[in-house]
Amino acid sequence: MAEVPDELVRLERSAEEERARLAGLTGEAYDAQWRRWREASDRVQAAITAHARESGAGRREVEEATKRAVRHAQEDPAVE
């Protein structure tokens, strides 16, 4: 798999940030945040599908590479 485009990494990171904001919420606040997370998740999924189609790569391969790139970028290099 070639390098993951920055746009996919940015979208995946945004979706993960929205998901993390669900913690501790209840009721209407939870429902509103859940919708924001789903919208962000839908955007990244659509971008992954489009990139896979354009590049000829497998969709699952693109999604896994994107998730790995986000996790790798969030790792603290000082912690081994």
N, C-alpha and C. Protein backbone atom coordinates (compact mmCIF):
# COMPACT_ATOMS: atom_id res chain seq x y z
N MET A 1 0.85 -1.18 0.00
CA MET A 1 0.00 0.00 0.00
C MET A 1 0.88 1.23 0.00
N ALA A 2 0.58 2.15 -0.87
CA ALA A 2 1.30 3.41 -0.93
C ALA A 2 0.98 4.25 0.29
N GLU A 3 1.65 5.35 0.41
CA GLU A 3 1.41 6.25 1.53
C GLU A 3 -0.05 6.71 1.56
N VAL A 4 -0.59 6.82 2.74
CA VAL A 4 -1.97 7.25 2.92
C VAL A 4 -2.02 8.77 2.73
N PRO A 5 -2.93 9.25 1.89
CA PRO A 5 -3.05 10.70 1.69
C PRO A 5 -3.35 11.43 3.01
N ASP A 6 -2.77 12.59 3.16
CA ASP A 6 -2.97 13.40 4.37
C ASP A 6 -4.46 13.66 4.63
N GLU A 7 -5.24 13.84 3.57
CA GLU A 7 -6.66 14.11 3.74
C GLU A 7 -7.37 12.96 4.45
N LEU A 8 -7.01 11.72 4.11
CA LEU A 8 -7.63 10.57 4.79
C LEU A 8 -7.23 10.55 6.26
N VAL A 9 -5.99 10.83 6.54
CA VAL A 9 -5.52 10.85 7.93
C VAL A 9 -6.26 11.95 8.70
N ARG A 10 -6.40 13.12 8.08
CA ARG A 10 -7.08 14.22 8.75
C ARG A 10 -8.54 13.87 9.03
N LEU A 11 -9.22 13.28 8.06
CA LEU A 11 -10.62 12.90 8.25
C LEU A 11 -10.78 11.82 9.32
N GLU A 12 -9.91 10.83 9.31
CA GLU A 12 -9.98 9.76 10.32
C GLU A 12 -9.72 10.32 11.72
N ARG A 13 -8.73 11.19 11.82
CA ARG A 13 -8.42 11.80 13.12
C ARG A 13 -9.62 12.61 13.61
N SER A 14 -10.25 13.35 12.72
CA SER A 14 -11.42 14.14 13.08
C SER A 14 -12.56 13.24 13.59
N ALA A 15 -12.79 12.14 12.90
CA ALA A 15 -13.84 11.20 13.33
C ALA A 15 -13.52 10.62 14.70
N GLU A 16 -12.27 10.28 14.93
CA GLU A 16 -11.88 9.73 16.23
C GLU A 16 -12.03 10.77 17.34
N GLU A 17 -11.73 12.02 17.04
CA GLU A 17 -11.90 13.08 18.04
C GLU A 17 -13.38 13.26 18.39
N GLU A 18 -14.23 13.20 17.37
CA GLU A 18 -15.67 13.32 17.63
C GLU A 18 -16.17 12.13 18.45
N ARG A 19 -15.67 10.94 18.16
CA ARG A 19 -16.06 9.74 18.93
C ARG A 19 -15.63 9.89 20.38
N ALA A 20 -14.42 10.36 20.60
CA ALA A 20 -13.91 10.51 21.96
C ALA A 20 -14.75 11.49 22.78
N ARG A 21 -15.34 12.46 22.11
CA ARG A 21 -16.16 13.46 22.82
C ARG A 21 -17.47 12.89 23.35
N LEU A 22 -17.80 11.67 22.97
CA LEU A 22 -19.01 11.03 23.49
C LEU A 22 -18.88 10.66 24.96
N ALA A 23 -17.65 10.48 25.42
CA ALA A 23 -17.41 10.03 26.79
C ALA A 23 -18.06 10.97 27.80
N GLY A 24 -18.85 10.38 28.67
CA GLY A 24 -19.47 11.12 29.76
C GLY A 24 -20.74 11.86 29.41
N LEU A 25 -21.12 11.87 28.15
CA LEU A 25 -22.34 12.57 27.76
C LEU A 25 -23.55 11.66 27.94
N THR A 26 -24.68 12.28 28.16
CA THR A 26 -25.95 11.54 28.25
C THR A 26 -27.03 12.37 27.58
N GLY A 27 -28.15 11.72 27.36
CA GLY A 27 -29.34 12.42 26.86
C GLY A 27 -29.13 13.13 25.54
N GLU A 28 -29.68 14.35 25.47
CA GLU A 28 -29.62 15.12 24.23
C GLU A 28 -28.20 15.48 23.83
N ALA A 29 -27.34 15.75 24.81
CA ALA A 29 -25.95 16.08 24.50
C ALA A 29 -25.27 14.88 23.82
N TYR A 30 -25.54 13.68 24.33
CA TYR A 30 -24.98 12.46 23.73
C TYR A 30 -25.51 12.29 22.31
N ASP A 31 -26.82 12.46 22.14
CA ASP A 31 -27.43 12.28 20.82
C ASP A 31 -26.85 13.25 19.80
N ALA A 32 -26.66 14.51 20.20
CA ALA A 32 -26.11 15.51 19.29
C ALA A 32 -24.66 15.18 18.93
N GLN A 33 -23.88 14.77 19.94
CA GLN A 33 -22.48 14.42 19.67
C GLN A 33 -22.40 13.16 18.84
N TRP A 34 -23.28 12.20 19.07
CA TRP A 34 -23.30 10.97 18.29
C TRP A 34 -23.53 11.30 16.81
N ARG A 35 -24.44 12.24 16.54
CA ARG A 35 -24.69 12.65 15.14
C ARG A 35 -23.44 13.29 14.54
N ARG A 36 -22.74 14.12 15.31
CA ARG A 36 -21.50 14.73 14.80
C ARG A 36 -20.46 13.65 14.50
N TRP A 37 -20.34 12.66 15.39
CA TRP A 37 -19.40 11.57 15.15
C TRP A 37 -19.79 10.79 13.90
N ARG A 38 -21.08 10.44 13.75
CA ARG A 38 -21.53 9.67 12.58
C ARG A 38 -21.27 10.43 11.29
N GLU A 39 -21.50 11.73 11.30
CA GLU A 39 -21.24 12.53 10.11
C GLU A 39 -19.76 12.52 9.76
N ALA A 40 -18.91 12.67 10.76
CA ALA A 40 -17.46 12.62 10.52
C ALA A 40 -17.05 11.24 10.04
N SER A 41 -17.61 10.22 10.63
CA SER A 41 -17.31 8.84 10.23
C SER A 41 -17.77 8.58 8.80
N ASP A 42 -18.94 9.07 8.45
CA ASP A 42 -19.44 8.91 7.08
C ASP A 42 -18.52 9.60 6.07
N ARG A 43 -18.00 10.78 6.44
CA ARG A 43 -17.08 11.50 5.53
C ARG A 43 -15.81 10.70 5.30
N VAL A 44 -15.23 10.15 6.35
CA VAL A 44 -13.99 9.39 6.17
C VAL A 44 -14.25 8.11 5.39
N GLN A 45 -15.36 7.45 5.64
CA GLN A 45 -15.67 6.23 4.91
C GLN A 45 -15.85 6.51 3.42
N ALA A 46 -16.53 7.61 3.09
CA ALA A 46 -16.72 7.98 1.69
C ALA A 46 -15.37 8.30 1.03
N ALA A 47 -14.50 9.00 1.76
CA ALA A 47 -13.19 9.35 1.20
C ALA A 47 -12.33 8.11 1.01
N ILE A 48 -12.41 7.16 1.93
CA ILE A 48 -11.66 5.91 1.79
C ILE A 48 -12.14 5.15 0.57
N THR A 49 -13.45 5.07 0.40
CA THR A 49 -14.02 4.37 -0.75
C THR A 49 -13.57 5.03 -2.05
N ALA A 50 -13.63 6.36 -2.10
CA ALA A 50 -13.22 7.09 -3.31
C ALA A 50 -11.74 6.87 -3.60
N HIS A 51 -10.91 6.94 -2.57
CA HIS A 51 -9.47 6.75 -2.77
C HIS A 51 -9.17 5.33 -3.27
N ALA A 52 -9.83 4.37 -2.69
CA ALA A 52 -9.62 2.98 -3.12
C ALA A 52 -10.01 2.83 -4.59
N ARG A 53 -11.11 3.38 -4.97
CA ARG A 53 -11.58 3.30 -6.35
C ARG A 53 -10.57 3.98 -7.30
N GLU A 54 -10.12 5.18 -6.92
CA GLU A 54 -9.20 5.94 -7.77
C GLU A 54 -7.82 5.30 -7.87
N SER A 55 -7.37 4.70 -6.78
CA SER A 55 -6.02 4.14 -6.75
C SER A 55 -5.97 2.68 -7.20
N GLY A 56 -7.12 2.03 -7.24
CA GLY A 56 -7.15 0.62 -7.60
C GLY A 56 -6.81 -0.30 -6.43
N ALA A 57 -6.65 0.28 -5.25
CA ALA A 57 -6.34 -0.52 -4.05
C ALA A 57 -7.65 -1.06 -3.48
N GLY A 58 -7.53 -2.09 -2.66
CA GLY A 58 -8.70 -2.63 -1.98
C GLY A 58 -9.18 -1.66 -0.92
N ARG A 59 -10.49 -1.53 -0.81
CA ARG A 59 -11.06 -0.60 0.16
C ARG A 59 -10.63 -0.92 1.59
N ARG A 60 -10.67 -2.21 1.91
CA ARG A 60 -10.28 -2.63 3.27
C ARG A 60 -8.81 -2.29 3.53
N GLU A 61 -7.98 -2.49 2.53
CA GLU A 61 -6.55 -2.17 2.66
C GLU A 61 -6.36 -0.68 2.93
N VAL A 62 -7.09 0.16 2.21
CA VAL A 62 -6.99 1.61 2.40
C VAL A 62 -7.47 1.99 3.80
N GLU A 63 -8.59 1.41 4.23
CA GLU A 63 -9.10 1.74 5.57
C GLU A 63 -8.12 1.32 6.66
N GLU A 64 -7.57 0.12 6.56
CA GLU A 64 -6.62 -0.35 7.57
C GLU A 64 -5.36 0.51 7.58
N ALA A 65 -4.87 0.88 6.40
CA ALA A 65 -3.67 1.72 6.32
C ALA A 65 -3.94 3.10 6.92
N THR A 66 -5.14 3.62 6.70
CA THR A 66 -5.51 4.92 7.25
C THR A 66 -5.55 4.86 8.77
N LYS A 67 -6.17 3.83 9.31
CA LYS A 67 -6.24 3.69 10.77
C LYS A 67 -4.85 3.51 11.37
N ARG A 68 -4.00 2.72 10.71
CA ARG A 68 -2.61 2.56 11.18
C ARG A 68 -1.87 3.88 11.17
N ALA A 69 -2.04 4.66 10.10
CA ALA A 69 -1.35 5.95 9.99
C ALA A 69 -1.77 6.89 11.11
N VAL A 70 -3.06 6.89 11.45
CA VAL A 70 -3.54 7.76 12.53
C VAL A 70 -2.99 7.29 13.86
N ARG A 71 -3.04 5.99 14.11
CA ARG A 71 -2.50 5.46 15.37
C ARG A 71 -1.01 5.74 15.47
N HIS A 72 -0.28 5.55 14.39
CA HIS A 72 1.16 5.77 14.39
C HIS A 72 1.48 7.24 14.67
N ALA A 73 0.72 8.13 14.07
CA ALA A 73 0.96 9.57 14.26
C ALA A 73 0.66 9.99 15.69
N GLN A 74 -0.20 9.26 16.40
CA GLN A 74 -0.56 9.63 17.75
C GLN A 74 0.36 9.02 18.81
N GLU A 75 1.23 8.11 18.38
CA GLU A 75 2.14 7.50 19.34
C GLU A 75 3.19 8.51 19.78
N ASP A 76 3.56 8.43 21.03
CA ASP A 76 4.59 9.30 21.58
C ASP A 76 5.94 8.65 21.31
N PRO A 77 6.80 9.28 20.51
CA PRO A 77 8.09 8.67 20.17
C PRO A 77 9.01 8.54 21.39
N ALA A 78 8.72 9.28 22.45
CA ALA A 78 9.56 9.20 23.66
C ALA A 78 9.23 7.96 24.49
N VAL A 79 8.09 7.34 24.21
CA VAL A 79 7.68 6.16 24.98
C VAL A 79 7.99 4.93 24.16
N GLU A 80 8.82 4.07 24.69
CA GLU A 80 9.19 2.83 23.99
C GLU A 80 8.88 1.65 24.87
